[in-house]
């Protein structure tokens, strides 16, 4: 016959009579990471250990794998702290392509190949994130600028197809061969949100995009 301890370990009985303390010592000596699909499920694990006489504490931290948010959770007896899985995407492009005018347009990435980590997907125009969290988004565009024209150029980011107010614009000085803009910020995204790089130009003559890049990286889970 076996005994199942509070952490789910099956402990065979030996010839000596088992004692509660020996079972507690054995349980504490065996590392294990439980899995929970929600905060409520993680809290149930805390209650089970507390009821078994092994309440988590700063010296005996409970570690739980939270599959719903893609993070490792740690309970020290007073609060949950999270270590997020690595979730990121990056794409860069260099070449020559016309820049759309007079509105914010998604960047056409042509044959560029995105790099994706931790469940991030690519829909052909932008990155789709798998988990809620805080994300650092960075973007840049470098363009040619007609030598005889002035106007405005810009780089911005759209979430779920709509500009979210995060953009950088500036005047393109006459006679400048190249103009570049970069953007970096941290924002909350929900699971399934799409992040796109967009550009605009208000110059009457043609403007060519030469370099572009977009990266998305989760920096916090909760």
N, C-alpha and C. Protein backbone atom coordinates (compact mmCIF):
# COMPACT_ATOMS: atom_id res chain seq x y z
N UNK A 1 0.85 -1.20 0.00
CA UNK A 1 0.00 0.00 0.00
C UNK A 1 0.89 1.24 0.00
N UNK A 2 0.46 2.30 -0.69
CA UNK A 2 1.25 3.52 -0.75
C UNK A 2 0.50 4.67 -0.11
N UNK A 3 1.26 5.71 0.21
CA UNK A 3 0.70 6.93 0.78
C UNK A 3 0.94 8.06 -0.22
N UNK A 4 -0.07 8.86 -0.47
CA UNK A 4 0.07 10.02 -1.34
C UNK A 4 0.15 11.27 -0.48
N UNK A 5 1.26 12.01 -0.62
CA UNK A 5 1.44 13.19 0.24
C UNK A 5 0.74 14.40 -0.37
N UNK A 6 0.89 15.56 0.30
CA UNK A 6 0.16 16.77 -0.10
C UNK A 6 0.59 17.30 -1.45
N UNK A 7 1.78 16.96 -1.90
CA UNK A 7 2.24 17.41 -3.21
C UNK A 7 1.95 16.40 -4.30
N UNK A 8 1.29 15.30 -3.95
CA UNK A 8 0.94 14.31 -4.94
C UNK A 8 1.97 13.22 -5.12
N UNK A 9 3.02 13.18 -4.27
CA UNK A 9 4.02 12.13 -4.37
C UNK A 9 3.49 10.84 -3.73
N UNK A 10 3.68 9.73 -4.40
CA UNK A 10 3.28 8.43 -3.86
C UNK A 10 4.48 7.84 -3.12
N UNK A 11 4.32 7.65 -1.83
CA UNK A 11 5.42 7.20 -0.97
C UNK A 11 5.15 5.77 -0.50
N UNK A 12 5.97 4.79 -0.89
CA UNK A 12 5.75 3.42 -0.42
C UNK A 12 6.04 3.29 1.07
N UNK A 13 5.25 2.49 1.76
CA UNK A 13 5.49 2.23 3.17
C UNK A 13 6.63 1.24 3.32
N UNK A 14 7.52 1.50 4.25
CA UNK A 14 8.62 0.59 4.52
C UNK A 14 8.30 -0.34 5.67
N UNK A 15 9.30 -1.04 6.13
CA UNK A 15 9.09 -1.95 7.26
C UNK A 15 8.87 -1.19 8.55
N UNK A 16 9.45 0.03 8.60
CA UNK A 16 9.24 0.85 9.79
C UNK A 16 7.91 1.59 9.66
N UNK A 17 7.28 1.79 10.78
CA UNK A 17 6.02 2.51 10.77
C UNK A 17 6.26 3.96 10.36
N UNK A 18 5.50 4.41 9.39
CA UNK A 18 5.68 5.78 8.90
C UNK A 18 5.17 6.77 9.94
N UNK A 19 5.84 7.91 10.01
CA UNK A 19 5.40 8.99 10.90
C UNK A 19 5.04 10.20 10.05
N UNK A 20 4.19 11.02 10.58
CA UNK A 20 3.77 12.22 9.84
C UNK A 20 4.96 13.11 9.53
N UNK A 21 5.87 13.28 10.48
CA UNK A 21 7.00 14.17 10.26
C UNK A 21 7.91 13.66 9.16
N UNK A 22 8.10 12.34 9.10
CA UNK A 22 8.96 11.80 8.06
C UNK A 22 8.35 12.03 6.68
N UNK A 23 7.02 11.94 6.60
CA UNK A 23 6.37 12.21 5.33
C UNK A 23 6.51 13.69 4.94
N UNK A 24 6.38 14.58 5.92
CA UNK A 24 6.56 16.00 5.63
C UNK A 24 7.97 16.29 5.16
N UNK A 25 8.95 15.70 5.83
CA UNK A 25 10.35 15.91 5.45
C UNK A 25 10.60 15.39 4.03
N UNK A 26 10.04 14.23 3.72
CA UNK A 26 10.23 13.67 2.39
C UNK A 26 9.58 14.55 1.33
N UNK A 27 8.38 15.01 1.62
CA UNK A 27 7.68 15.86 0.66
C UNK A 27 8.44 17.13 0.37
N UNK A 28 8.97 17.76 1.42
CA UNK A 28 9.71 19.00 1.24
C UNK A 28 11.02 18.79 0.50
N UNK A 29 11.54 17.58 0.53
CA UNK A 29 12.83 17.31 -0.10
C UNK A 29 12.71 17.01 -1.59
N UNK A 30 11.49 16.78 -2.07
CA UNK A 30 11.29 16.42 -3.47
C UNK A 30 10.79 17.63 -4.23
N UNK A 31 11.58 18.18 -5.16
CA UNK A 31 11.11 19.34 -5.92
C UNK A 31 10.01 18.94 -6.90
N UNK A 32 9.02 19.78 -7.01
CA UNK A 32 7.96 19.54 -7.97
C UNK A 32 7.30 20.86 -8.32
N UNK A 33 6.80 20.95 -9.54
CA UNK A 33 6.09 22.14 -9.99
C UNK A 33 4.70 21.71 -10.42
N UNK A 34 3.70 22.17 -9.70
CA UNK A 34 2.32 21.85 -10.04
C UNK A 34 1.87 22.69 -11.23
N UNK A 35 0.82 22.25 -11.88
CA UNK A 35 0.26 22.96 -13.03
C UNK A 35 -1.14 23.43 -12.70
N UNK A 36 -1.44 24.69 -13.06
CA UNK A 36 -2.77 25.25 -12.83
C UNK A 36 -3.20 26.02 -14.06
N UNK A 37 -4.47 25.91 -14.40
CA UNK A 37 -5.00 26.59 -15.57
C UNK A 37 -5.71 27.89 -15.25
N UNK A 38 -5.66 28.32 -13.98
CA UNK A 38 -6.30 29.57 -13.59
C UNK A 38 -5.75 30.00 -12.24
N UNK A 39 -6.04 31.25 -11.86
CA UNK A 39 -5.63 31.72 -10.55
C UNK A 39 -6.35 30.96 -9.45
N UNK A 40 -7.62 30.65 -9.64
CA UNK A 40 -8.37 29.89 -8.64
C UNK A 40 -7.74 28.52 -8.41
N UNK A 41 -7.32 27.86 -9.50
CA UNK A 41 -6.70 26.54 -9.36
C UNK A 41 -5.37 26.64 -8.61
N UNK A 42 -4.62 27.71 -8.86
CA UNK A 42 -3.36 27.91 -8.14
C UNK A 42 -3.62 28.15 -6.66
N UNK A 43 -4.65 28.92 -6.35
CA UNK A 43 -4.98 29.19 -4.95
C UNK A 43 -5.44 27.92 -4.24
N UNK A 44 -6.08 27.01 -4.96
CA UNK A 44 -6.48 25.74 -4.36
C UNK A 44 -5.26 24.92 -3.94
N UNK A 45 -4.18 24.99 -4.72
CA UNK A 45 -2.95 24.30 -4.34
C UNK A 45 -2.37 24.89 -3.06
N UNK A 46 -2.46 26.20 -2.93
CA UNK A 46 -1.99 26.85 -1.70
C UNK A 46 -2.78 26.34 -0.50
N UNK A 47 -4.10 26.28 -0.65
CA UNK A 47 -4.94 25.82 0.46
C UNK A 47 -4.66 24.36 0.81
N UNK A 48 -4.42 23.53 -0.21
CA UNK A 48 -4.15 22.11 0.05
C UNK A 48 -2.87 21.93 0.86
N UNK A 49 -1.83 22.68 0.51
CA UNK A 49 -0.58 22.58 1.26
C UNK A 49 -0.73 23.13 2.67
N UNK A 50 -1.47 24.22 2.80
CA UNK A 50 -1.69 24.79 4.13
C UNK A 50 -2.47 23.83 5.01
N UNK A 51 -3.51 23.20 4.45
CA UNK A 51 -4.30 22.25 5.22
C UNK A 51 -3.49 21.02 5.62
N UNK A 52 -2.46 20.69 4.82
CA UNK A 52 -1.61 19.53 5.12
C UNK A 52 -0.49 19.86 6.09
N UNK A 53 -0.45 21.10 6.56
CA UNK A 53 0.58 21.49 7.52
C UNK A 53 1.86 21.99 6.89
N UNK A 54 1.82 22.32 5.59
CA UNK A 54 3.00 22.82 4.90
C UNK A 54 2.69 24.15 4.21
N UNK A 55 2.32 25.17 4.96
CA UNK A 55 1.97 26.44 4.32
C UNK A 55 3.17 27.06 3.63
N UNK A 56 3.03 27.54 2.40
CA UNK A 56 4.14 28.22 1.73
C UNK A 56 4.58 29.45 2.51
N UNK A 57 5.86 29.76 2.42
CA UNK A 57 6.44 30.88 3.14
C UNK A 57 7.65 31.38 2.35
N UNK A 58 8.27 32.48 2.78
CA UNK A 58 9.46 32.95 2.06
C UNK A 58 10.58 31.92 1.99
N UNK A 59 10.64 31.01 2.96
CA UNK A 59 11.67 29.97 2.93
C UNK A 59 11.17 28.67 2.31
N UNK A 60 9.90 28.62 1.95
CA UNK A 60 9.31 27.42 1.35
C UNK A 60 8.28 27.88 0.31
N UNK A 61 8.80 28.42 -0.80
CA UNK A 61 7.96 29.03 -1.82
C UNK A 61 7.30 27.97 -2.68
N UNK A 62 6.01 28.14 -2.92
CA UNK A 62 5.28 27.25 -3.82
C UNK A 62 5.44 27.77 -5.25
N UNK A 63 5.84 26.88 -6.16
CA UNK A 63 5.99 27.23 -7.57
C UNK A 63 4.93 26.50 -8.38
N UNK A 64 4.21 27.25 -9.20
CA UNK A 64 3.11 26.69 -9.98
C UNK A 64 3.26 27.14 -11.43
N UNK A 65 3.07 26.22 -12.34
CA UNK A 65 3.07 26.54 -13.76
C UNK A 65 1.67 26.99 -14.16
N UNK A 66 1.50 28.29 -14.53
CA UNK A 66 0.21 28.82 -14.96
C UNK A 66 0.10 28.71 -16.48
N UNK A 67 -0.63 27.70 -16.93
CA UNK A 67 -0.74 27.47 -18.37
C UNK A 67 -1.62 28.51 -19.06
N UNK A 68 -2.51 29.16 -18.30
CA UNK A 68 -3.43 30.12 -18.92
C UNK A 68 -2.76 31.43 -19.27
N UNK A 69 -1.68 31.79 -18.57
CA UNK A 69 -1.01 33.06 -18.85
C UNK A 69 0.42 32.86 -19.34
N UNK A 70 0.86 31.61 -19.47
CA UNK A 70 2.21 31.36 -19.96
C UNK A 70 3.28 31.90 -19.04
N UNK A 71 3.21 31.52 -17.77
CA UNK A 71 4.16 32.04 -16.79
C UNK A 71 4.32 31.05 -15.65
N UNK A 72 5.42 31.21 -14.92
CA UNK A 72 5.65 30.45 -13.70
C UNK A 72 5.31 31.36 -12.52
N UNK A 73 4.43 30.89 -11.65
CA UNK A 73 3.96 31.69 -10.52
C UNK A 73 4.61 31.20 -9.23
N UNK A 74 4.91 32.13 -8.34
CA UNK A 74 5.57 31.82 -7.07
C UNK A 74 4.76 32.44 -5.93
N UNK A 75 4.37 31.60 -4.97
CA UNK A 75 3.61 32.07 -3.81
C UNK A 75 4.48 31.93 -2.57
N UNK A 76 4.74 33.06 -1.89
CA UNK A 76 5.62 33.07 -0.73
C UNK A 76 4.86 33.19 0.58
N UNK A 77 3.56 32.93 0.52
CA UNK A 77 2.74 33.05 1.72
C UNK A 77 1.95 34.33 1.80
N UNK A 78 2.29 35.30 0.93
CA UNK A 78 1.57 36.57 0.99
C UNK A 78 1.12 37.09 -0.36
N UNK A 79 1.84 36.76 -1.43
CA UNK A 79 1.48 37.29 -2.75
C UNK A 79 2.06 36.43 -3.85
N UNK A 80 1.42 36.47 -5.01
CA UNK A 80 1.93 35.79 -6.19
C UNK A 80 2.90 36.69 -6.93
N UNK A 81 4.01 36.12 -7.37
CA UNK A 81 4.95 36.79 -8.26
C UNK A 81 5.11 35.92 -9.50
N UNK A 82 5.31 36.55 -10.66
CA UNK A 82 5.29 35.81 -11.92
C UNK A 82 6.58 35.98 -12.70
N UNK A 83 7.04 34.87 -13.26
CA UNK A 83 8.15 34.88 -14.21
C UNK A 83 7.57 34.49 -15.56
N UNK A 84 7.45 35.46 -16.49
CA UNK A 84 6.79 35.15 -17.76
C UNK A 84 7.64 34.28 -18.67
N UNK A 85 6.98 33.43 -19.45
CA UNK A 85 7.68 32.72 -20.52
C UNK A 85 8.22 33.74 -21.52
N UNK A 86 9.26 33.35 -22.23
CA UNK A 86 9.77 34.22 -23.29
C UNK A 86 8.78 34.22 -24.44
N UNK A 87 8.23 35.38 -24.73
CA UNK A 87 7.25 35.54 -25.80
C UNK A 87 7.69 36.74 -26.63
N UNK A 88 8.06 36.51 -27.89
CA UNK A 88 8.61 37.61 -28.68
C UNK A 88 8.47 37.33 -30.17
N UNK A 89 8.52 38.40 -30.94
CA UNK A 89 8.53 38.31 -32.39
C UNK A 89 9.34 39.46 -32.96
N UNK A 90 10.03 39.20 -34.07
CA UNK A 90 10.85 40.24 -34.69
C UNK A 90 10.88 40.03 -36.20
N UNK A 91 10.79 41.14 -36.94
CA UNK A 91 10.90 41.08 -38.39
C UNK A 91 11.62 42.33 -38.87
N UNK A 92 12.46 42.19 -39.87
CA UNK A 92 13.19 43.31 -40.45
C UNK A 92 13.22 43.13 -41.96
N UNK A 93 13.25 44.25 -42.67
CA UNK A 93 13.21 44.22 -44.13
C UNK A 93 14.08 45.34 -44.67
N UNK A 94 14.76 45.08 -45.77
CA UNK A 94 15.55 46.09 -46.46
C UNK A 94 15.35 45.90 -47.96
N UNK A 95 15.19 46.99 -48.67
CA UNK A 95 14.96 46.92 -50.10
C UNK A 95 14.44 48.25 -50.60
N UNK A 96 13.62 48.22 -51.61
CA UNK A 96 13.01 49.44 -52.15
C UNK A 96 11.55 49.14 -52.45
N UNK A 97 10.66 49.91 -51.83
CA UNK A 97 9.22 49.74 -52.06
C UNK A 97 8.55 51.08 -51.86
N UNK A 98 7.52 51.39 -52.63
CA UNK A 98 6.84 52.68 -52.48
C UNK A 98 6.14 52.78 -51.13
N UNK A 99 6.14 54.00 -50.60
CA UNK A 99 5.51 54.27 -49.31
C UNK A 99 4.12 54.84 -49.57
N UNK A 100 3.09 54.23 -48.99
CA UNK A 100 1.73 54.71 -49.21
C UNK A 100 1.56 56.12 -48.67
N UNK A 101 0.68 56.90 -49.32
CA UNK A 101 0.55 58.31 -48.99
C UNK A 101 -0.79 58.64 -48.33
N UNK A 102 -0.75 59.70 -47.51
CA UNK A 102 -1.93 60.40 -47.00
C UNK A 102 -2.80 59.62 -46.02
N UNK A 103 -2.33 58.51 -45.52
CA UNK A 103 -3.06 57.76 -44.49
C UNK A 103 -2.08 56.76 -43.87
N UNK A 104 -2.49 56.19 -42.73
CA UNK A 104 -1.66 55.16 -42.10
C UNK A 104 -1.93 53.82 -42.77
N UNK A 105 -0.89 53.28 -43.41
CA UNK A 105 -1.03 52.02 -44.13
C UNK A 105 -0.12 50.95 -43.52
N UNK A 106 -0.57 49.70 -43.48
CA UNK A 106 0.30 48.62 -43.01
C UNK A 106 1.52 48.48 -43.92
N UNK A 107 2.64 48.20 -43.32
CA UNK A 107 3.86 47.95 -44.09
C UNK A 107 3.73 46.62 -44.81
N UNK A 108 4.07 46.59 -46.08
CA UNK A 108 4.13 45.34 -46.84
C UNK A 108 5.53 44.76 -46.69
N UNK A 109 5.61 43.56 -46.14
CA UNK A 109 6.91 43.00 -45.77
C UNK A 109 7.56 42.18 -46.87
N UNK A 110 6.90 42.06 -48.01
CA UNK A 110 7.44 41.29 -49.13
C UNK A 110 7.93 39.92 -48.66
N UNK A 111 9.18 39.60 -48.89
CA UNK A 111 9.69 38.26 -48.59
C UNK A 111 10.37 38.14 -47.23
N UNK A 112 10.22 39.15 -46.37
CA UNK A 112 10.87 39.10 -45.06
C UNK A 112 10.33 37.93 -44.24
N UNK A 113 11.21 37.32 -43.46
CA UNK A 113 10.83 36.16 -42.64
C UNK A 113 10.84 36.55 -41.17
N UNK A 114 9.71 36.44 -40.48
CA UNK A 114 9.66 36.80 -39.06
C UNK A 114 10.30 35.73 -38.18
N UNK A 115 10.81 36.16 -37.04
CA UNK A 115 11.30 35.26 -35.99
C UNK A 115 10.26 35.27 -34.88
N UNK A 116 9.81 34.09 -34.45
CA UNK A 116 8.74 34.00 -33.46
C UNK A 116 9.15 33.05 -32.34
N UNK A 117 8.87 33.46 -31.10
CA UNK A 117 9.24 32.68 -29.92
C UNK A 117 8.05 32.64 -28.96
N UNK A 118 7.81 31.48 -28.35
CA UNK A 118 6.84 31.39 -27.26
C UNK A 118 5.39 31.50 -27.65
N UNK A 119 5.02 31.02 -28.83
CA UNK A 119 3.62 31.01 -29.21
C UNK A 119 3.16 32.20 -30.02
N UNK A 120 4.04 33.18 -30.26
CA UNK A 120 3.68 34.30 -31.13
C UNK A 120 3.48 33.78 -32.55
N UNK A 121 2.44 34.24 -33.23
CA UNK A 121 2.20 33.84 -34.61
C UNK A 121 2.27 35.06 -35.53
N UNK A 122 2.38 34.80 -36.82
CA UNK A 122 2.49 35.84 -37.84
C UNK A 122 1.37 35.65 -38.84
N UNK A 123 0.58 36.70 -39.07
CA UNK A 123 -0.58 36.58 -39.97
C UNK A 123 -0.33 37.18 -41.35
N UNK A 124 0.92 37.49 -41.64
CA UNK A 124 1.27 38.07 -42.92
C UNK A 124 1.45 39.57 -42.88
N UNK A 125 0.87 40.22 -41.87
CA UNK A 125 0.98 41.66 -41.73
C UNK A 125 1.49 42.09 -40.35
N UNK A 126 1.27 41.24 -39.35
CA UNK A 126 1.68 41.60 -38.00
C UNK A 126 1.78 40.39 -37.10
N UNK A 127 2.20 40.63 -35.86
CA UNK A 127 2.36 39.57 -34.87
C UNK A 127 1.08 39.44 -34.04
N UNK A 128 0.70 38.20 -33.76
CA UNK A 128 -0.44 37.90 -32.90
C UNK A 128 0.11 37.31 -31.61
N UNK A 129 -0.19 37.95 -30.47
CA UNK A 129 0.40 37.52 -29.20
C UNK A 129 -0.50 36.48 -28.53
N UNK A 130 0.09 35.50 -27.84
CA UNK A 130 -0.70 34.40 -27.28
C UNK A 130 -1.24 34.65 -25.88
N UNK A 131 -0.66 35.63 -25.16
CA UNK A 131 -1.04 35.82 -23.75
C UNK A 131 -1.24 37.30 -23.45
N UNK A 132 -2.06 37.55 -22.45
CA UNK A 132 -2.18 38.89 -21.89
C UNK A 132 -0.89 39.26 -21.18
N UNK A 133 -0.56 40.55 -21.18
CA UNK A 133 0.62 40.99 -20.45
C UNK A 133 1.06 42.36 -20.90
N UNK A 134 2.16 42.83 -20.32
CA UNK A 134 2.81 44.06 -20.77
C UNK A 134 3.83 43.69 -21.84
N UNK A 135 3.81 44.41 -22.95
CA UNK A 135 4.71 44.13 -24.07
C UNK A 135 5.50 45.39 -24.44
N UNK A 136 6.77 45.18 -24.74
CA UNK A 136 7.58 46.25 -25.31
C UNK A 136 7.51 46.15 -26.83
N UNK A 137 7.11 47.23 -27.48
CA UNK A 137 6.99 47.27 -28.93
C UNK A 137 7.98 48.29 -29.47
N UNK A 138 8.76 47.88 -30.45
CA UNK A 138 9.73 48.76 -31.08
C UNK A 138 9.55 48.68 -32.59
N UNK A 139 9.65 49.83 -33.25
CA UNK A 139 9.44 49.87 -34.70
C UNK A 139 10.30 50.98 -35.30
N UNK A 140 10.67 50.79 -36.56
CA UNK A 140 11.42 51.84 -37.25
C UNK A 140 11.19 51.75 -38.75
N UNK A 141 11.35 52.89 -39.42
CA UNK A 141 11.29 52.98 -40.88
C UNK A 141 12.34 54.00 -41.33
N UNK A 142 13.03 53.67 -42.39
CA UNK A 142 13.95 54.60 -43.04
C UNK A 142 13.52 54.72 -44.49
N UNK A 143 13.39 55.96 -44.97
CA UNK A 143 12.89 56.18 -46.33
C UNK A 143 13.79 57.14 -47.09
N UNK A 144 13.62 57.14 -48.40
CA UNK A 144 14.20 58.19 -49.22
C UNK A 144 13.31 59.42 -49.11
N UNK A 145 13.86 60.57 -49.44
CA UNK A 145 13.08 61.80 -49.40
C UNK A 145 13.41 62.62 -50.65
N UNK A 146 12.44 62.94 -51.48
CA UNK A 146 12.74 63.72 -52.68
C UNK A 146 13.45 65.03 -52.35
N UNK A 147 14.47 65.32 -53.09
CA UNK A 147 15.31 66.47 -52.76
C UNK A 147 14.60 67.81 -52.90
N UNK A 148 13.56 67.85 -53.70
CA UNK A 148 12.88 69.13 -53.93
C UNK A 148 11.55 69.23 -53.20
N UNK A 149 11.27 68.33 -52.29
CA UNK A 149 9.96 68.32 -51.64
C UNK A 149 10.11 68.38 -50.13
N UNK A 150 9.10 68.92 -49.49
CA UNK A 150 9.00 68.85 -48.04
C UNK A 150 7.63 68.30 -47.69
N UNK A 151 7.50 67.70 -46.54
CA UNK A 151 6.23 67.13 -46.13
C UNK A 151 6.42 66.38 -44.84
N UNK A 152 5.48 65.51 -44.53
CA UNK A 152 5.55 64.77 -43.27
C UNK A 152 5.67 63.28 -43.55
N UNK A 153 6.52 62.64 -42.73
CA UNK A 153 6.68 61.20 -42.76
C UNK A 153 6.45 60.68 -41.36
N UNK A 154 6.03 59.43 -41.22
CA UNK A 154 5.80 58.91 -39.88
C UNK A 154 5.82 57.41 -39.81
N UNK A 155 6.00 56.92 -38.58
CA UNK A 155 5.94 55.49 -38.29
C UNK A 155 5.00 55.32 -37.10
N UNK A 156 4.15 54.32 -37.15
CA UNK A 156 3.21 54.09 -36.06
C UNK A 156 2.90 52.62 -35.91
N UNK A 157 2.19 52.29 -34.85
CA UNK A 157 1.82 50.91 -34.55
C UNK A 157 0.31 50.82 -34.43
N UNK A 158 -0.25 49.77 -35.01
CA UNK A 158 -1.69 49.52 -34.92
C UNK A 158 -1.94 48.24 -34.15
N UNK A 159 -2.96 48.25 -33.29
CA UNK A 159 -3.37 47.06 -32.55
C UNK A 159 -4.76 46.66 -33.03
N UNK A 160 -4.87 45.42 -33.48
CA UNK A 160 -6.14 44.92 -34.02
C UNK A 160 -6.69 45.80 -35.13
N UNK A 161 -5.80 46.29 -35.99
CA UNK A 161 -6.21 47.04 -37.17
C UNK A 161 -6.47 48.51 -36.96
N UNK A 162 -6.34 49.02 -35.73
CA UNK A 162 -6.62 50.43 -35.46
C UNK A 162 -5.39 51.09 -34.85
N UNK A 163 -5.07 52.28 -35.33
CA UNK A 163 -3.97 53.03 -34.72
C UNK A 163 -4.31 53.32 -33.27
N UNK A 164 -3.34 53.09 -32.38
CA UNK A 164 -3.60 53.25 -30.95
C UNK A 164 -3.04 54.55 -30.39
N UNK A 165 -2.67 55.48 -31.26
CA UNK A 165 -2.14 56.75 -30.81
C UNK A 165 -0.65 56.76 -30.61
N UNK A 166 0.00 55.62 -30.82
CA UNK A 166 1.46 55.55 -30.68
C UNK A 166 2.08 55.74 -32.05
N UNK A 167 2.62 56.93 -32.30
CA UNK A 167 3.24 57.19 -33.59
C UNK A 167 4.27 58.30 -33.43
N UNK A 168 5.17 58.37 -34.39
CA UNK A 168 6.16 59.43 -34.47
C UNK A 168 6.10 60.00 -35.87
N UNK A 169 5.94 61.32 -35.97
CA UNK A 169 5.91 61.97 -37.27
C UNK A 169 6.85 63.17 -37.24
N UNK A 170 7.31 63.55 -38.41
CA UNK A 170 8.19 64.71 -38.49
C UNK A 170 8.26 65.22 -39.91
N UNK A 171 8.77 66.44 -40.04
CA UNK A 171 8.92 67.04 -41.36
C UNK A 171 10.09 66.40 -42.08
N UNK A 172 9.91 66.23 -43.37
CA UNK A 172 10.99 65.73 -44.22
C UNK A 172 11.64 66.94 -44.87
N UNK A 173 12.82 67.33 -44.43
CA UNK A 173 13.44 68.55 -44.95
C UNK A 173 13.82 68.41 -46.42
N UNK A 174 13.64 69.49 -47.15
CA UNK A 174 14.01 69.49 -48.56
C UNK A 174 15.51 69.24 -48.71
N UNK A 175 15.84 68.36 -49.61
CA UNK A 175 17.25 68.07 -49.87
C UNK A 175 17.80 66.91 -49.07
N UNK A 176 17.01 66.33 -48.15
CA UNK A 176 17.49 65.19 -47.37
C UNK A 176 17.39 63.92 -48.21
N UNK A 177 18.45 63.15 -48.24
CA UNK A 177 18.42 61.91 -49.01
C UNK A 177 17.61 60.84 -48.28
N UNK A 178 17.78 60.74 -46.95
CA UNK A 178 17.09 59.72 -46.18
C UNK A 178 16.50 60.34 -44.92
N UNK A 179 15.36 59.82 -44.53
CA UNK A 179 14.71 60.23 -43.28
C UNK A 179 14.30 58.97 -42.53
N UNK A 180 14.59 58.92 -41.23
CA UNK A 180 14.24 57.75 -40.44
C UNK A 180 13.48 58.11 -39.19
N UNK A 181 12.59 57.21 -38.76
CA UNK A 181 11.83 57.39 -37.53
C UNK A 181 11.83 56.09 -36.75
N UNK A 182 11.94 56.19 -35.43
CA UNK A 182 11.91 55.01 -34.56
C UNK A 182 10.92 55.25 -33.44
N UNK A 183 10.37 54.16 -32.92
CA UNK A 183 9.33 54.23 -31.90
C UNK A 183 9.52 53.08 -30.93
N UNK A 184 9.40 53.35 -29.62
CA UNK A 184 9.54 52.31 -28.61
C UNK A 184 8.62 52.64 -27.44
N UNK A 185 7.83 51.68 -26.98
CA UNK A 185 6.95 51.91 -25.84
C UNK A 185 6.51 50.57 -25.25
N UNK A 186 5.95 50.63 -24.05
CA UNK A 186 5.41 49.45 -23.37
C UNK A 186 3.90 49.64 -23.23
N UNK A 187 3.14 48.60 -23.56
CA UNK A 187 1.69 48.69 -23.48
C UNK A 187 1.11 47.34 -23.11
N UNK A 188 -0.13 47.34 -22.61
CA UNK A 188 -0.81 46.09 -22.30
C UNK A 188 -1.47 45.54 -23.56
N UNK A 189 -1.28 44.25 -23.79
CA UNK A 189 -1.96 43.55 -24.87
C UNK A 189 -2.75 42.39 -24.29
N UNK A 190 -3.83 42.04 -24.97
CA UNK A 190 -4.63 40.89 -24.59
C UNK A 190 -4.28 39.71 -25.49
N UNK A 191 -4.55 38.51 -25.01
CA UNK A 191 -4.32 37.33 -25.84
C UNK A 191 -5.10 37.45 -27.15
N UNK A 192 -4.42 37.22 -28.26
CA UNK A 192 -5.06 37.32 -29.56
C UNK A 192 -4.93 38.66 -30.24
N UNK A 193 -4.40 39.67 -29.53
CA UNK A 193 -4.19 40.97 -30.16
C UNK A 193 -3.14 40.88 -31.27
N UNK A 194 -3.35 41.66 -32.32
CA UNK A 194 -2.42 41.74 -33.45
C UNK A 194 -1.71 43.08 -33.43
N UNK A 195 -0.40 43.07 -33.64
CA UNK A 195 0.41 44.29 -33.67
C UNK A 195 1.01 44.44 -35.06
N UNK A 196 0.75 45.59 -35.71
CA UNK A 196 1.25 45.86 -37.05
C UNK A 196 2.09 47.14 -37.06
N UNK A 197 3.05 47.19 -37.97
CA UNK A 197 3.79 48.42 -38.25
C UNK A 197 3.07 49.15 -39.37
N UNK A 198 2.86 50.46 -39.19
CA UNK A 198 2.20 51.26 -40.22
C UNK A 198 3.05 52.49 -40.55
N UNK A 199 2.85 53.01 -41.74
CA UNK A 199 3.59 54.18 -42.16
C UNK A 199 2.66 55.15 -42.89
N UNK A 200 3.11 56.40 -42.98
CA UNK A 200 2.39 57.38 -43.77
C UNK A 200 3.39 58.38 -44.33
N UNK A 201 3.00 59.02 -45.43
CA UNK A 201 3.79 60.12 -45.97
C UNK A 201 2.85 61.09 -46.66
N UNK A 202 3.10 62.38 -46.45
CA UNK A 202 2.25 63.43 -47.01
C UNK A 202 3.03 64.27 -48.03
N UNK A 203 3.89 63.60 -48.77
CA UNK A 203 4.66 64.26 -49.81
C UNK A 203 4.06 63.90 -51.15
N UNK A 204 3.87 64.88 -51.99
CA UNK A 204 3.16 64.63 -53.25
C UNK A 204 3.93 63.68 -54.17
N UNK A 205 5.23 63.85 -54.23
CA UNK A 205 6.02 62.98 -55.09
C UNK A 205 6.31 61.67 -54.38
N UNK A 206 6.79 60.71 -55.12
CA UNK A 206 6.95 59.36 -54.57
C UNK A 206 8.03 59.30 -53.50
N UNK A 207 7.79 58.48 -52.51
CA UNK A 207 8.74 58.21 -51.44
C UNK A 207 8.92 56.70 -51.35
N UNK A 208 10.16 56.26 -51.26
CA UNK A 208 10.44 54.83 -51.19
C UNK A 208 10.87 54.43 -49.78
N UNK A 209 10.31 53.33 -49.33
CA UNK A 209 10.76 52.74 -48.07
C UNK A 209 12.02 51.91 -48.35
N UNK A 210 13.04 52.09 -47.50
CA UNK A 210 14.30 51.39 -47.70
C UNK A 210 14.56 50.35 -46.62
N UNK A 211 14.20 50.67 -45.39
CA UNK A 211 14.44 49.76 -44.26
C UNK A 211 13.24 49.85 -43.32
N UNK A 212 12.83 48.72 -42.74
CA UNK A 212 11.74 48.72 -41.76
C UNK A 212 11.95 47.57 -40.79
N UNK A 213 11.45 47.74 -39.58
CA UNK A 213 11.56 46.68 -38.59
C UNK A 213 10.48 46.79 -37.53
N UNK A 214 10.10 45.66 -36.96
CA UNK A 214 9.09 45.61 -35.90
C UNK A 214 9.45 44.49 -34.94
N UNK A 215 9.40 44.77 -33.65
CA UNK A 215 9.63 43.73 -32.65
C UNK A 215 8.60 43.86 -31.54
N UNK A 216 8.20 42.72 -31.00
CA UNK A 216 7.22 42.64 -29.91
C UNK A 216 7.78 41.68 -28.88
N UNK A 217 7.83 42.10 -27.61
CA UNK A 217 8.38 41.23 -26.56
C UNK A 217 7.61 41.43 -25.27
N UNK A 218 7.15 40.35 -24.67
CA UNK A 218 6.45 40.46 -23.39
C UNK A 218 7.45 40.67 -22.27
N UNK A 219 7.16 41.64 -21.41
CA UNK A 219 8.06 41.96 -20.31
C UNK A 219 7.45 41.67 -18.94
N UNK A 220 6.14 41.42 -18.88
CA UNK A 220 5.50 41.13 -17.59
C UNK A 220 4.23 40.33 -17.81
N UNK A 221 3.98 39.40 -16.90
CA UNK A 221 2.75 38.60 -16.91
C UNK A 221 2.02 38.82 -15.59
N UNK A 222 0.69 38.69 -15.61
CA UNK A 222 -0.10 38.85 -14.39
C UNK A 222 -1.48 38.27 -14.60
